[in-house]
């Protein structure tokens, strides 16, 4: 016995039934892992007709195959209308601006600047038929301006080198 009123565990291997701890009574088997019909276990894959005899279960007839595809609720039309098409001038202006900075030392920047300005006009809210791609037009404008600055530095360098070369050859 324990002091303080705690639970006294039975000796290991004893079959003491002085207290029914789990409310299982005398029908409880000594093997806790044993499967018996007393506990309501039934094989769901058994080939007996127990499924049709289950209370409240009536097998539904299989639906006929429908050849036309039906969409469920929420899968119909998109929730948002698609935006207007992007301005091709804005795209061309952005591409030429990036190319002028990365590859061509600003040679394509003036053409990119023109296309970016045309793209800004097409994408303005006051245009007769506004198009999308305003951000592309702004990016094209910025990169084309940077490309023009690169072009100015290249031209200034070439002029300076030629001027110094001419001055050195005449003296």
C-alpha atoms as a PDB file:
ATOM      1  CA  UNK A   1       0.000   0.000   0.000  1.00  0.00           C
ATOM      2  CA  UNK A   2       1.054   3.572  -0.586  1.00  0.00           C
ATOM      3  CA  UNK A   3       0.828   6.399   1.806  1.00  0.00           C
ATOM      4  CA  UNK A   4      -1.159   9.469   0.885  1.00  0.00           C
ATOM      5  CA  UNK A   5      -4.005   7.668  -0.911  1.00  0.00           C
ATOM      6  CA  UNK A   6      -2.251   7.076  -4.253  1.00  0.00           C
ATOM      7  CA  UNK A   7      -3.022   4.196  -6.591  1.00  0.00           C
ATOM      8  CA  UNK A   8      -1.314   0.918  -5.843  1.00  0.00           C
ATOM      9  CA  UNK A   9      -0.200  -0.878  -8.959  1.00  0.00           C
ATOM     10  CA  UNK A  10      -0.566  -4.684  -8.983  1.00  0.00           C
ATOM     11  CA  UNK A  11       2.497  -6.879  -9.157  1.00  0.00           C
ATOM     12  CA  UNK A  12       3.840  -7.585 -12.638  1.00  0.00           C
ATOM     13  CA  UNK A  13       2.172 -10.684 -14.118  1.00  0.00           C
ATOM     14  CA  UNK A  14      -0.540 -10.904 -11.470  1.00  0.00           C
ATOM     15  CA  UNK A  15      -4.160 -11.214 -12.450  1.00  0.00           C
ATOM     16  CA  UNK A  16      -5.479  -8.957  -9.757  1.00  0.00           C
ATOM     17  CA  UNK A  17      -8.968  -7.732 -10.528  1.00  0.00           C
ATOM     18  CA  UNK A  18      -9.638  -5.732  -7.379  1.00  0.00           C
ATOM     19  CA  UNK A  19     -10.251  -2.565  -9.437  1.00  0.00           C
ATOM     20  CA  UNK A  20     -11.490  -2.326 -13.020  1.00  0.00           C
ATOM     21  CA  UNK A  21      -9.428   0.644 -14.200  1.00  0.00           C
ATOM     22  CA  UNK A  22     -10.759   0.827 -17.755  1.00  0.00           C
ATOM     23  CA  UNK A  23     -14.397  -0.171 -17.216  1.00  0.00           C
ATOM     24  CA  UNK A  24     -14.025  -3.323 -19.276  1.00  0.00           C
ATOM     25  CA  UNK A  25     -15.363  -5.782 -16.726  1.00  0.00           C
ATOM     26  CA  UNK A  26     -14.653  -9.486 -16.850  1.00  0.00           C
ATOM     27  CA  UNK A  27     -14.938  -9.717 -20.620  1.00  0.00           C
ATOM     28  CA  UNK A  28     -11.521  -8.091 -20.970  1.00  0.00           C
ATOM     29  CA  UNK A  29      -8.952 -10.499 -22.315  1.00  0.00           C
ATOM     30  CA  UNK A  30      -5.445 -10.744 -20.920  1.00  0.00           C
ATOM     31  CA  UNK A  31      -4.006  -9.915 -24.373  1.00  0.00           C
ATOM     32  CA  UNK A  32      -4.419  -6.155 -24.987  1.00  0.00           C
ATOM     33  CA  UNK A  33      -3.682  -6.582 -28.709  1.00  0.00           C
ATOM     34  CA  UNK A  34      -6.168  -9.346 -29.357  1.00  0.00           C
ATOM     35  CA  UNK A  35      -8.872  -8.584 -31.908  1.00  0.00           C
ATOM     36  CA  UNK A  36     -12.245  -9.984 -31.097  1.00  0.00           C
ATOM     37  CA  UNK A  37     -15.777  -9.462 -32.336  1.00  0.00           C
ATOM     38  CA  UNK A  38     -16.730  -8.169 -28.889  1.00  0.00           C
ATOM     39  CA  UNK A  39     -15.030  -4.846 -29.611  1.00  0.00           C
ATOM     40  CA  UNK A  40     -16.935  -4.179 -32.821  1.00  0.00           C
ATOM     41  CA  UNK A  41     -14.055  -4.753 -35.233  1.00  0.00           C
ATOM     42  CA  UNK A  42     -15.057  -5.895 -38.664  1.00  0.00           C
ATOM     43  CA  UNK A  43     -12.929  -6.249 -41.779  1.00  0.00           C
ATOM     44  CA  UNK A  44     -13.903  -3.455 -44.212  1.00  0.00           C
ATOM     45  CA  UNK A  45     -12.567  -5.485 -47.130  1.00  0.00           C
ATOM     46  CA  UNK A  46     -14.412  -8.670 -46.322  1.00  0.00           C
ATOM     47  CA  UNK A  47     -16.401 -10.136 -49.186  1.00  0.00           C
ATOM     48  CA  UNK A  48     -19.534 -10.603 -47.137  1.00  0.00           C
ATOM     49  CA  UNK A  49     -22.678  -8.600 -47.636  1.00  0.00           C
ATOM     50  CA  UNK A  50     -22.169  -6.750 -44.365  1.00  0.00           C
ATOM     51  CA  UNK A  51     -21.948  -3.411 -46.174  1.00  0.00           C
ATOM     52  CA  UNK A  52     -25.444  -3.734 -47.550  1.00  0.00           C
ATOM     53  CA  UNK A  53     -26.798  -4.773 -44.174  1.00  0.00           C
ATOM     54  CA  UNK A  54     -25.309  -1.779 -42.382  1.00  0.00           C
ATOM     55  CA  UNK A  55     -28.036   0.460 -40.951  1.00  0.00           C
ATOM     56  CA  UNK A  56     -28.751   3.546 -43.060  1.00  0.00           C
ATOM     57  CA  UNK A  57     -26.516   2.472 -45.929  1.00  0.00           C
ATOM     58  CA  UNK A  58     -28.027   2.144 -49.336  1.00  0.00           C
ATOM     59  CA  UNK A  59     -25.663   1.910 -52.245  1.00  0.00           C
ATOM     60  CA  UNK A  60     -26.361   4.572 -54.829  1.00  0.00           C
ATOM     61  CA  UNK A  61     -26.471   3.604 -58.457  1.00  0.00           C
ATOM     62  CA  UNK A  62     -23.346   4.658 -60.307  1.00  0.00           C
ATOM     63  CA  UNK A  63     -23.931   7.854 -62.287  1.00  0.00           C
ATOM     64  CA  UNK A  64     -23.937   7.640 -66.039  1.00  0.00           C
ATOM     65  CA  UNK A  65     -20.801   8.971 -67.672  1.00  0.00           C
ATOM     66  CA  UNK A  66     -21.348  12.412 -69.122  1.00  0.00           C
ATOM     67  CA  UNK A  67     -19.465  13.111 -72.296  1.00  0.00           C
ATOM     68  CA  UNK A  68     -19.531  16.892 -71.871  1.00  0.00           C
ATOM     69  CA  UNK A  69     -17.169  18.344 -69.292  1.00  0.00           C
ATOM     70  CA  UNK A  70     -18.958  20.169 -66.485  1.00  0.00           C
ATOM     71  CA  UNK A  71     -17.056  22.537 -64.236  1.00  0.00           C
ATOM     72  CA  UNK A  72     -17.802  22.704 -60.537  1.00  0.00           C
ATOM     73  CA  UNK A  73     -18.777  25.891 -58.725  1.00  0.00           C
ATOM     74  CA  UNK A  74     -16.072  28.519 -58.684  1.00  0.00           C
ATOM     75  CA  UNK A  75     -14.248  27.199 -61.735  1.00  0.00           C
ATOM     76  CA  UNK A  76     -16.156  29.066 -64.427  1.00  0.00           C
ATOM     77  CA  UNK A  77     -15.137  32.498 -65.622  1.00  0.00           C
ATOM     78  CA  UNK A  78     -12.070  34.162 -64.101  1.00  0.00           C
ATOM     79  CA  UNK A  79     -12.727  36.445 -61.152  1.00  0.00           C
ATOM     80  CA  UNK A  80     -10.990  39.413 -62.767  1.00  0.00           C
ATOM     81  CA  UNK A  81     -11.254  40.693 -66.282  1.00  0.00           C
ATOM     82  CA  UNK A  82      -7.990  40.516 -68.184  1.00  0.00           C
ATOM     83  CA  UNK A  83      -6.154  43.808 -68.498  1.00  0.00           C
ATOM     84  CA  UNK A  84      -5.624  45.693 -71.729  1.00  0.00           C
ATOM     85  CA  UNK A  85      -2.837  44.472 -74.002  1.00  0.00           C
ATOM     86  CA  UNK A  86       0.632  45.874 -73.395  1.00  0.00           C
ATOM     87  CA  UNK A  87       1.935  48.615 -75.612  1.00  0.00           C
ATOM     88  CA  UNK A  88       4.420  47.259 -78.133  1.00  0.00           C
ATOM     89  CA  UNK A  89       6.156  50.646 -78.244  1.00  0.00           C
ATOM     90  CA  UNK A  90       6.757  50.444 -74.478  1.00  0.00           C
ATOM     91  CA  UNK A  91       8.225  46.957 -74.770  1.00  0.00           C
ATOM     92  CA  UNK A  92      10.514  47.935 -77.670  1.00  0.00           C
ATOM     93  CA  UNK A  93      11.628  51.082 -75.835  1.00  0.00           C
ATOM     94  CA  UNK A  94      12.517  49.115 -72.710  1.00  0.00           C
ATOM     95  CA  UNK A  95      14.411  46.452 -74.661  1.00  0.00           C
ATOM     96  CA  UNK A  96      16.387  49.052 -76.622  1.00  0.00           C
ATOM     97  CA  UNK A  97      17.171  50.961 -73.423  1.00  0.00           C
ATOM     98  CA  UNK A  98      18.517  47.841 -71.717  1.00  0.00           C
ATOM     99  CA  UNK A  99      20.497  46.847 -74.802  1.00  0.00           C
ATOM    100  CA  UNK A 100      21.966  50.348 -75.066  1.00  0.00           C
ATOM    101  CA  UNK A 101      23.315  50.141 -71.518  1.00  0.00           C
ATOM    102  CA  UNK A 102      24.453  46.517 -71.558  1.00  0.00           C
ATOM    103  CA  UNK A 103      25.799  45.943 -75.054  1.00  0.00           C
ATOM    104  CA  UNK A 104      25.942  48.845 -77.438  1.00  0.00           C
ATOM    105  CA  UNK A 105      27.507  51.661 -75.390  1.00  0.00           C
ATOM    106  CA  UNK A 106      24.387  53.783 -75.865  1.00  0.00           C
ATOM    107  CA  UNK A 107      24.061  53.480 -79.646  1.00  0.00           C
ATOM    108  CA  UNK A 108      20.434  52.275 -79.495  1.00  0.00           C
ATOM    109  CA  UNK A 109      19.453  54.688 -76.709  1.00  0.00           C
ATOM    110  CA  UNK A 110      18.021  57.510 -78.888  1.00  0.00           C
ATOM    111  CA  UNK A 111      15.779  55.042 -80.734  1.00  0.00           C
ATOM    112  CA  UNK A 112      14.753  53.513 -77.395  1.00  0.00           C
ATOM    113  CA  UNK A 113      13.959  56.986 -76.084  1.00  0.00           C
ATOM    114  CA  UNK A 114      11.643  57.644 -79.027  1.00  0.00           C
ATOM    115  CA  UNK A 115       9.849  54.319 -78.595  1.00  0.00           C
ATOM    116  CA  UNK A 116       9.530  54.872 -74.841  1.00  0.00           C
ATOM    117  CA  UNK A 117       7.923  58.283 -75.375  1.00  0.00           C
ATOM    118  CA  UNK A 118       5.475  56.728 -77.848  1.00  0.00           C
ATOM    119  CA  UNK A 119       4.775  54.000 -75.282  1.00  0.00           C
ATOM    120  CA  UNK A 120       4.115  56.620 -72.597  1.00  0.00           C
ATOM    121  CA  UNK A 121       1.553  58.265 -74.889  1.00  0.00           C
ATOM    122  CA  UNK A 122      -0.172  54.937 -75.626  1.00  0.00           C
ATOM    123  CA  UNK A 123      -0.378  53.992 -71.961  1.00  0.00           C
ATOM    124  CA  UNK A 124      -1.505  57.332 -70.574  1.00  0.00           C
ATOM    125  CA  UNK A 125      -4.951  57.387 -68.948  1.00  0.00           C
ATOM    126  CA  UNK A 126      -6.066  60.138 -71.336  1.00  0.00           C
ATOM    127  CA  UNK A 127      -5.296  58.119 -74.482  1.00  0.00           C
ATOM    128  CA  UNK A 128      -8.241  57.319 -76.751  1.00  0.00           C
ATOM    129  CA  UNK A 129      -7.626  53.593 -76.370  1.00  0.00           C
ATOM    130  CA  UNK A 130      -5.347  53.177 -73.318  1.00  0.00           C
ATOM    131  CA  UNK A 131      -3.079  50.145 -73.295  1.00  0.00           C
ATOM    132  CA  UNK A 132      -1.242  48.406 -70.496  1.00  0.00           C
ATOM    133  CA  UNK A 133       2.473  48.504 -69.917  1.00  0.00           C
ATOM    134  CA  UNK A 134       2.925  51.900 -68.330  1.00  0.00           C
ATOM    135  CA  UNK A 135       5.678  50.502 -66.108  1.00  0.00           C
ATOM    136  CA  UNK A 136       7.444  49.094 -69.154  1.00  0.00           C
ATOM    137  CA  UNK A 137       7.325  52.508 -70.798  1.00  0.00           C
ATOM    138  CA  UNK A 138       8.741  54.192 -67.680  1.00  0.00           C
ATOM    139  CA  UNK A 139      11.507  51.585 -67.431  1.00  0.00           C
ATOM    140  CA  UNK A 140      12.288  52.099 -71.119  1.00  0.00           C
ATOM    141  CA  UNK A 141      12.419  55.842 -70.624  1.00  0.00           C
ATOM    142  CA  UNK A 142      14.812  55.573 -67.679  1.00  0.00           C
ATOM    143  CA  UNK A 143      17.112  53.036 -69.326  1.00  0.00           C
ATOM    144  CA  UNK A 144      17.125  54.972 -72.581  1.00  0.00           C
ATOM    145  CA  UNK A 145      18.078  58.190 -70.766  1.00  0.00           C
ATOM    146  CA  UNK A 146      20.898  56.328 -69.009  1.00  0.00           C
ATOM    147  CA  UNK A 147      21.945  54.898 -72.371  1.00  0.00           C
ATOM    148  CA  UNK A 148      21.987  58.408 -73.847  1.00  0.00           C
ATOM    149  CA  UNK A 149      24.273  59.509 -71.013  1.00  0.00           C
ATOM    150  CA  UNK A 150      26.576  56.580 -71.774  1.00  0.00           C
ATOM    151  CA  UNK A 151      26.512  57.554 -75.448  1.00  0.00           C
ATOM    152  CA  UNK A 152      27.402  61.159 -74.570  1.00  0.00           C
ATOM    153  CA  UNK A 153      30.373  59.991 -72.487  1.00  0.00           C
ATOM    154  CA  UNK A 154      31.564  57.707 -75.297  1.00  0.00           C
ATOM    155  CA  UNK A 155      31.259  60.501 -77.871  1.00  0.00           C
ATOM    156  CA  UNK A 156      33.024  62.959 -75.535  1.00  0.00           C
ATOM    157  CA  UNK A 157      35.834  60.428 -74.977  1.00  0.00           C
ATOM    158  CA  UNK A 158      36.257  59.811 -78.693  1.00  0.00           C
ATOM    159  CA  UNK A 159      36.289  63.559 -79.444  1.00  0.00           C
ATOM    160  CA  UNK A 160      38.794  64.135 -76.650  1.00  0.00           C
ATOM    161  CA  UNK A 161      41.087  61.340 -77.868  1.00  0.00           C
ATOM    162  CA  UNK A 162      40.908  62.575 -81.474  1.00  0.00           C
ATOM    163  CA  UNK A 163      41.509  66.172 -80.355  1.00  0.00           C
ATOM    164  CA  UNK A 164      44.504  65.189 -78.251  1.00  0.00           C
ATOM    165  CA  UNK A 165      45.821  63.056 -81.118  1.00  0.00           C
ATOM    166  CA  UNK A 166      45.530  65.908 -83.620  1.00  0.00           C
ATOM    167  CA  UNK A 167      47.109  68.351 -81.176  1.00  0.00           C
ATOM    168  CA  UNK A 168      49.992  65.991 -80.497  1.00  0.00           C
ATOM    169  CA  UNK A 169      50.625  65.346 -84.192  1.00  0.00           C
ATOM    170  CA  UNK A 170      50.762  69.042 -85.138  1.00  0.00           C
ATOM    171  CA  UNK A 171      53.217  70.035 -82.485  1.00  0.00           C
END
